[in-house]
Amino acid sequence: MSEKDIAAVLQYRYGDGLVYLPKDRPRDVLKVASQLGFIDAEGYLTRKGRALLARYSYGY
């Protein structure tokens, strides 16, 4: 799983930063994103996650 794959999932978030997983995406992506520090334990996008989105130009 690449950072680009993770960034593609992180773009699915509510206005407050809570990330949600579309049905067509594997649940493992959120687990890996959390382990790598892109989302916190509650499922919110972290500063590191916002930086990842900026690198892959997903409009954050």
PDB file of N, CA and C in Angstrom:
ATOM      1  N   MET A   1       0.849  -1.171   0.000  1.00  0.00           N
ATOM      2  CA  MET A   1       0.000   0.000   0.000  1.00  0.00           C
ATOM      3  C   MET A   1       0.898   1.238   0.000  1.00  0.00           C
ATOM      4  N   SER A   2       0.654   2.111  -0.919  1.00  0.00           N
ATOM      5  CA  SER A   2       1.487   3.305  -1.066  1.00  0.00           C
ATOM      6  C   SER A   2       0.846   4.513  -0.367  1.00  0.00           C
ATOM      7  N   GLU A   3       1.649   5.556  -0.216  1.00  0.00           N
ATOM      8  CA  GLU A   3       1.112   6.798   0.360  1.00  0.00           C
ATOM      9  C   GLU A   3       0.013   7.362  -0.529  1.00  0.00           C
ATOM     10  N   LYS A   4       0.142   7.168  -1.825  1.00  0.00           N
ATOM     11  CA  LYS A   4      -0.882   7.660  -2.752  1.00  0.00           C
ATOM     12  C   LYS A   4      -2.217   6.955  -2.498  1.00  0.00           C
ATOM     13  N   ASP A   5      -2.176   5.648  -2.212  1.00  0.00           N
ATOM     14  CA  ASP A   5      -3.397   4.906  -1.881  1.00  0.00           C
ATOM     15  C   ASP A   5      -4.027   5.444  -0.606  1.00  0.00           C
ATOM     16  N   ILE A   6      -3.192   5.729   0.371  1.00  0.00           N
ATOM     17  CA  ILE A   6      -3.685   6.270   1.641  1.00  0.00           C
ATOM     18  C   ILE A   6      -4.278   7.656   1.424  1.00  0.00           C
ATOM     19  N   ALA A   7      -3.600   8.487   0.649  1.00  0.00           N
ATOM     20  CA  ALA A   7      -4.099   9.840   0.370  1.00  0.00           C
ATOM     21  C   ALA A   7      -5.447   9.795  -0.337  1.00  0.00           C
ATOM     22  N   ALA A   8      -5.633   8.820  -1.211  1.00  0.00           N
ATOM     23  CA  ALA A   8      -6.910   8.694  -1.922  1.00  0.00           C
ATOM     24  C   ALA A   8      -8.054   8.441  -0.943  1.00  0.00           C
ATOM     25  N   VAL A   9      -7.807   7.700   0.133  1.00  0.00           N
ATOM     26  CA  VAL A   9      -8.836   7.438   1.136  1.00  0.00           C
ATOM     27  C   VAL A   9      -9.001   8.628   2.072  1.00  0.00           C
ATOM     28  N   LEU A  10      -7.905   9.290   2.416  1.00  0.00           N
ATOM     29  CA  LEU A  10      -7.983  10.416   3.348  1.00  0.00           C
ATOM     30  C   LEU A  10      -8.783  11.586   2.800  1.00  0.00           C
ATOM     31  N   GLN A  11      -8.970  11.629   1.503  1.00  0.00           N
ATOM     32  CA  GLN A  11      -9.761  12.722   0.942  1.00  0.00           C
ATOM     33  C   GLN A  11     -11.237  12.616   1.318  1.00  0.00           C
ATOM     34  N   TYR A  12     -11.678  11.439   1.776  1.00  0.00           N
ATOM     35  CA  TYR A  12     -13.055  11.245   2.210  1.00  0.00           C
ATOM     36  C   TYR A  12     -13.164  11.608   3.682  1.00  0.00           C
ATOM     37  N   ARG A  13     -13.497  12.850   3.957  1.00  0.00           N
ATOM     38  CA  ARG A  13     -13.597  13.307   5.335  1.00  0.00           C
ATOM     39  C   ARG A  13     -14.695  14.351   5.454  1.00  0.00           C
ATOM     40  N   TYR A  14     -15.196  14.456   6.643  1.00  0.00           N
ATOM     41  CA  TYR A  14     -16.208  15.467   6.951  1.00  0.00           C
ATOM     42  C   TYR A  14     -15.498  16.792   7.201  1.00  0.00           C
ATOM     43  N   GLY A  15     -16.239  17.857   7.272  1.00  0.00           N
ATOM     44  CA  GLY A  15     -15.680  19.189   7.474  1.00  0.00           C
ATOM     45  C   GLY A  15     -14.842  19.329   8.726  1.00  0.00           C
ATOM     46  N   ASP A  16     -15.148  18.538   9.753  1.00  0.00           N
ATOM     47  CA  ASP A  16     -14.377  18.630  10.990  1.00  0.00           C
ATOM     48  C   ASP A  16     -13.105  17.790  10.956  1.00  0.00           C
ATOM     49  N   GLY A  17     -12.872  17.059   9.857  1.00  0.00           N
ATOM     50  CA  GLY A  17     -11.644  16.279   9.714  1.00  0.00           C
ATOM     51  C   GLY A  17     -11.780  14.795   9.971  1.00  0.00           C
ATOM     52  N   LEU A  18     -12.993  14.337  10.323  1.00  0.00           N
ATOM     53  CA  LEU A  18     -13.207  12.911  10.561  1.00  0.00           C
ATOM     54  C   LEU A  18     -13.181  12.170   9.224  1.00  0.00           C
ATOM     55  N   VAL A  19     -12.329  11.171   9.123  1.00  0.00           N
ATOM     56  CA  VAL A  19     -12.177  10.400   7.886  1.00  0.00           C
ATOM     57  C   VAL A  19     -13.178   9.253   7.907  1.00  0.00           C
ATOM     58  N   TYR A  20     -13.855   9.042   6.784  1.00  0.00           N
ATOM     59  CA  TYR A  20     -14.752   7.897   6.668  1.00  0.00           C
ATOM     60  C   TYR A  20     -14.332   7.071   5.461  1.00  0.00           C
ATOM     61  N   LEU A  21     -14.646   5.808   5.484  1.00  0.00           N
ATOM     62  CA  LEU A  21     -14.199   4.872   4.464  1.00  0.00           C
ATOM     63  C   LEU A  21     -15.345   4.537   3.518  1.00  0.00           C
ATOM     64  N   PRO A  22     -15.187   4.844   2.231  1.00  0.00           N
ATOM     65  CA  PRO A  22     -16.204   4.436   1.255  1.00  0.00           C
ATOM     66  C   PRO A  22     -16.287   2.912   1.188  1.00  0.00           C
ATOM     67  N   LYS A  23     -17.427   2.389   0.800  1.00  0.00           N
ATOM     68  CA  LYS A  23     -17.648   0.943   0.754  1.00  0.00           C
ATOM     69  C   LYS A  23     -16.670   0.210  -0.155  1.00  0.00           C
ATOM     70  N   ASP A  24     -16.187   0.874  -1.198  1.00  0.00           N
ATOM     71  CA  ASP A  24     -15.321   0.197  -2.163  1.00  0.00           C
ATOM     72  C   ASP A  24     -13.845   0.175  -1.754  1.00  0.00           C
ATOM     73  N   ARG A  25     -13.521   0.638  -0.565  1.00  0.00           N
ATOM     74  CA  ARG A  25     -12.129   0.682  -0.089  1.00  0.00           C
ATOM     75  C   ARG A  25     -11.905  -0.344   1.014  1.00  0.00           C
ATOM     76  N   PRO A  26     -10.737  -0.994   1.027  1.00  0.00           N
ATOM     77  CA  PRO A  26     -10.451  -1.972   2.085  1.00  0.00           C
ATOM     78  C   PRO A  26     -10.230  -1.294   3.443  1.00  0.00           C
ATOM     79  N   ARG A  27     -10.715  -1.921   4.510  1.00  0.00           N
ATOM     80  CA  ARG A  27     -10.583  -1.363   5.869  1.00  0.00           C
ATOM     81  C   ARG A  27      -9.134  -1.256   6.313  1.00  0.00           C
ATOM     82  N   ASP A  28      -8.276  -2.062   5.735  1.00  0.00           N
ATOM     83  CA  ASP A  28      -6.862  -2.038   6.113  1.00  0.00           C
ATOM     84  C   ASP A  28      -6.229  -0.670   5.885  1.00  0.00           C
ATOM     85  N   VAL A  29      -6.768   0.089   4.945  1.00  0.00           N
ATOM     86  CA  VAL A  29      -6.198   1.403   4.646  1.00  0.00           C
ATOM     87  C   VAL A  29      -6.271   2.305   5.870  1.00  0.00           C
ATOM     88  N   LEU A  30      -7.394   2.310   6.561  1.00  0.00           N
ATOM     89  CA  LEU A  30      -7.526   3.154   7.752  1.00  0.00           C
ATOM     90  C   LEU A  30      -6.586   2.685   8.859  1.00  0.00           C
ATOM     91  N   LYS A  31      -6.436   1.379   9.006  1.00  0.00           N
ATOM     92  CA  LYS A  31      -5.536   0.842  10.017  1.00  0.00           C
ATOM     93  C   LYS A  31      -4.099   1.281   9.751  1.00  0.00           C
ATOM     94  N   VAL A  32      -3.665   1.160   8.508  1.00  0.00           N
ATOM     95  CA  VAL A  32      -2.303   1.572   8.140  1.00  0.00           C
ATOM     96  C   VAL A  32      -2.147   3.078   8.299  1.00  0.00           C
ATOM     97  N   ALA A  33      -3.142   3.841   7.874  1.00  0.00           N
ATOM     98  CA  ALA A  33      -3.085   5.302   7.998  1.00  0.00           C
ATOM     99  C   ALA A  33      -2.945   5.721   9.455  1.00  0.00           C
ATOM    100  N   SER A  34      -3.635   5.016  10.336  1.00  0.00           N
ATOM    101  CA  SER A  34      -3.534   5.302  11.765  1.00  0.00           C
ATOM    102  C   SER A  34      -2.145   4.935  12.297  1.00  0.00           C
ATOM    103  N   GLN A  35      -1.647   3.777  11.922  1.00  0.00           N
ATOM    104  CA  GLN A  35      -0.330   3.331  12.374  1.00  0.00           C
ATOM    105  C   GLN A  35       0.775   4.276  11.911  1.00  0.00           C
ATOM    106  N   LEU A  36       0.602   4.867  10.730  1.00  0.00           N
ATOM    107  CA  LEU A  36       1.609   5.782  10.193  1.00  0.00           C
ATOM    108  C   LEU A  36       1.414   7.218  10.659  1.00  0.00           C
ATOM    109  N   GLY A  37       0.342   7.482  11.424  1.00  0.00           N
ATOM    110  CA  GLY A  37       0.130   8.811  11.986  1.00  0.00           C
ATOM    111  C   GLY A  37      -0.622   9.785  11.102  1.00  0.00           C
ATOM    112  N   PHE A  38      -1.286   9.301  10.049  1.00  0.00           N
ATOM    113  CA  PHE A  38      -2.042  10.184   9.165  1.00  0.00           C
ATOM    114  C   PHE A  38      -3.431  10.489   9.713  1.00  0.00           C
ATOM    115  N   ILE A  39      -3.954   9.604  10.543  1.00  0.00           N
ATOM    116  CA  ILE A  39      -5.198   9.858  11.278  1.00  0.00           C
ATOM    117  C   ILE A  39      -4.964   9.466  12.738  1.00  0.00           C
ATOM    118  N   ASP A  40      -5.705  10.092  13.640  1.00  0.00           N
ATOM    119  CA  ASP A  40      -5.522   9.775  15.061  1.00  0.00           C
ATOM    120  C   ASP A  40      -6.410   8.601  15.464  1.00  0.00           C
ATOM    121  N   ALA A  41      -6.381   8.235  16.730  1.00  0.00           N
ATOM    122  CA  ALA A  41      -7.116   7.070  17.238  1.00  0.00           C
ATOM    123  C   ALA A  41      -8.628   7.211  17.071  1.00  0.00           C
ATOM    124  N   GLU A  42      -9.129   8.434  17.065  1.00  0.00           N
ATOM    125  CA  GLU A  42     -10.568   8.662  16.896  1.00  0.00           C
ATOM    126  C   GLU A  42     -10.985   8.717  15.429  1.00  0.00           C
ATOM    127  N   GLY A  43     -10.019   8.744  14.515  1.00  0.00           N
ATOM    128  CA  GLY A  43     -10.332   8.770  13.087  1.00  0.00           C
ATOM    129  C   GLY A  43     -10.255  10.142  12.447  1.00  0.00           C
ATOM    130  N   TYR A  44      -9.657  11.105  13.153  1.00  0.00           N
ATOM    131  CA  TYR A  44      -9.528  12.449  12.606  1.00  0.00           C
ATOM    132  C   TYR A  44      -8.193  12.624  11.892  1.00  0.00           C
ATOM    133  N   LEU A  45      -8.215  13.402  10.851  1.00  0.00           N
ATOM    134  CA  LEU A  45      -7.018  13.709  10.078  1.00  0.00           C
ATOM    135  C   LEU A  45      -6.030  14.481  10.942  1.00  0.00           C
ATOM    136  N   THR A  46      -4.774  14.091  10.909  1.00  0.00           N
ATOM    137  CA  THR A  46      -3.732  14.772  11.674  1.00  0.00           C
ATOM    138  C   THR A  46      -3.004  15.769  10.781  1.00  0.00           C
ATOM    139  N   ARG A  47      -2.111  16.516  11.386  1.00  0.00           N
ATOM    140  CA  ARG A  47      -1.279  17.453  10.623  1.00  0.00           C
ATOM    141  C   ARG A  47      -0.492  16.688   9.553  1.00  0.00           C
ATOM    142  N   LYS A  48       0.038  15.539   9.926  1.00  0.00           N
ATOM    143  CA  LYS A  48       0.791  14.703   8.977  1.00  0.00           C
ATOM    144  C   LYS A  48      -0.128  14.244   7.837  1.00  0.00           C
ATOM    145  N   GLY A  49      -1.366  13.930   8.139  1.00  0.00           N
ATOM    146  CA  GLY A  49      -2.334  13.531   7.121  1.00  0.00           C
ATOM    147  C   GLY A  49      -2.662  14.668   6.169  1.00  0.00           C
ATOM    148  N   ARG A  50      -2.799  15.880   6.707  1.00  0.00           N
ATOM    149  CA  ARG A  50      -3.058  17.046   5.848  1.00  0.00           C
ATOM    150  C   ARG A  50      -1.873  17.313   4.924  1.00  0.00           C
ATOM    151  N   ALA A  51      -0.659  17.111   5.437  1.00  0.00           N
ATOM    152  CA  ALA A  51       0.538  17.294   4.609  1.00  0.00           C
ATOM    153  C   ALA A  51       0.573  16.256   3.484  1.00  0.00           C
ATOM    154  N   LEU A  52       0.173  15.027   3.793  1.00  0.00           N
ATOM    155  CA  LEU A  52       0.125  13.985   2.770  1.00  0.00           C
ATOM    156  C   LEU A  52      -0.875  14.357   1.681  1.00  0.00           C
ATOM    157  N   LEU A  53      -2.042  14.828   2.078  1.00  0.00           N
ATOM    158  CA  LEU A  53      -3.041  15.247   1.083  1.00  0.00           C
ATOM    159  C   LEU A  53      -2.517  16.380   0.211  1.00  0.00           C
ATOM    160  N   ALA A  54      -1.804  17.304   0.808  1.00  0.00           N
ATOM    161  CA  ALA A  54      -1.254  18.424   0.043  1.00  0.00           C
ATOM    162  C   ALA A  54      -0.242  17.929  -0.992  1.00  0.00           C
ATOM    163  N   ARG A  55       0.532  16.933  -0.637  1.00  0.00           N
ATOM    164  CA  ARG A  55       1.519  16.385  -1.582  1.00  0.00           C
ATOM    165  C   ARG A  55       0.853  15.735  -2.779  1.00  0.00           C
ATOM    166  N   TYR A  56      -0.287  15.128  -2.579  1.00  0.00           N
ATOM    167  CA  TYR A  56      -0.971  14.434  -3.663  1.00  0.00           C
ATOM    168  C   TYR A  56      -2.126  15.251  -4.255  1.00  0.00           C
ATOM    169  N   SER A  57      -2.202  16.523  -3.900  1.00  0.00           N
ATOM    170  CA  SER A  57      -3.151  17.469  -4.497  1.00  0.00           C
ATOM    171  C   SER A  57      -4.596  17.003  -4.479  1.00  0.00           C
ATOM    172  N   TYR A  58      -5.074  16.610  -3.312  1.00  0.00           N
ATOM    173  CA  TYR A  58      -6.464  16.225  -3.183  1.00  0.00           C
ATOM    174  C   TYR A  58      -7.306  17.374  -2.642  1.00  0.00           C
ATOM    175  N   GLY A  59      -6.836  18.583  -2.814  1.00  0.00           N
ATOM    176  CA  GLY A  59      -7.643  19.748  -2.518  1.00  0.00           C
ATOM    177  C   GLY A  59      -7.758  20.168  -1.078  1.00  0.00           C
ATOM    178  N   TYR A  60      -6.864  19.699  -0.221  1.00  0.00           N
ATOM    179  CA  TYR A  60      -6.950  20.156   1.164  1.00  0.00           C
ATOM    180  C   TYR A  60      -6.133  21.397   1.321  1.00  0.00           C
TER     181      TYR A  60
END
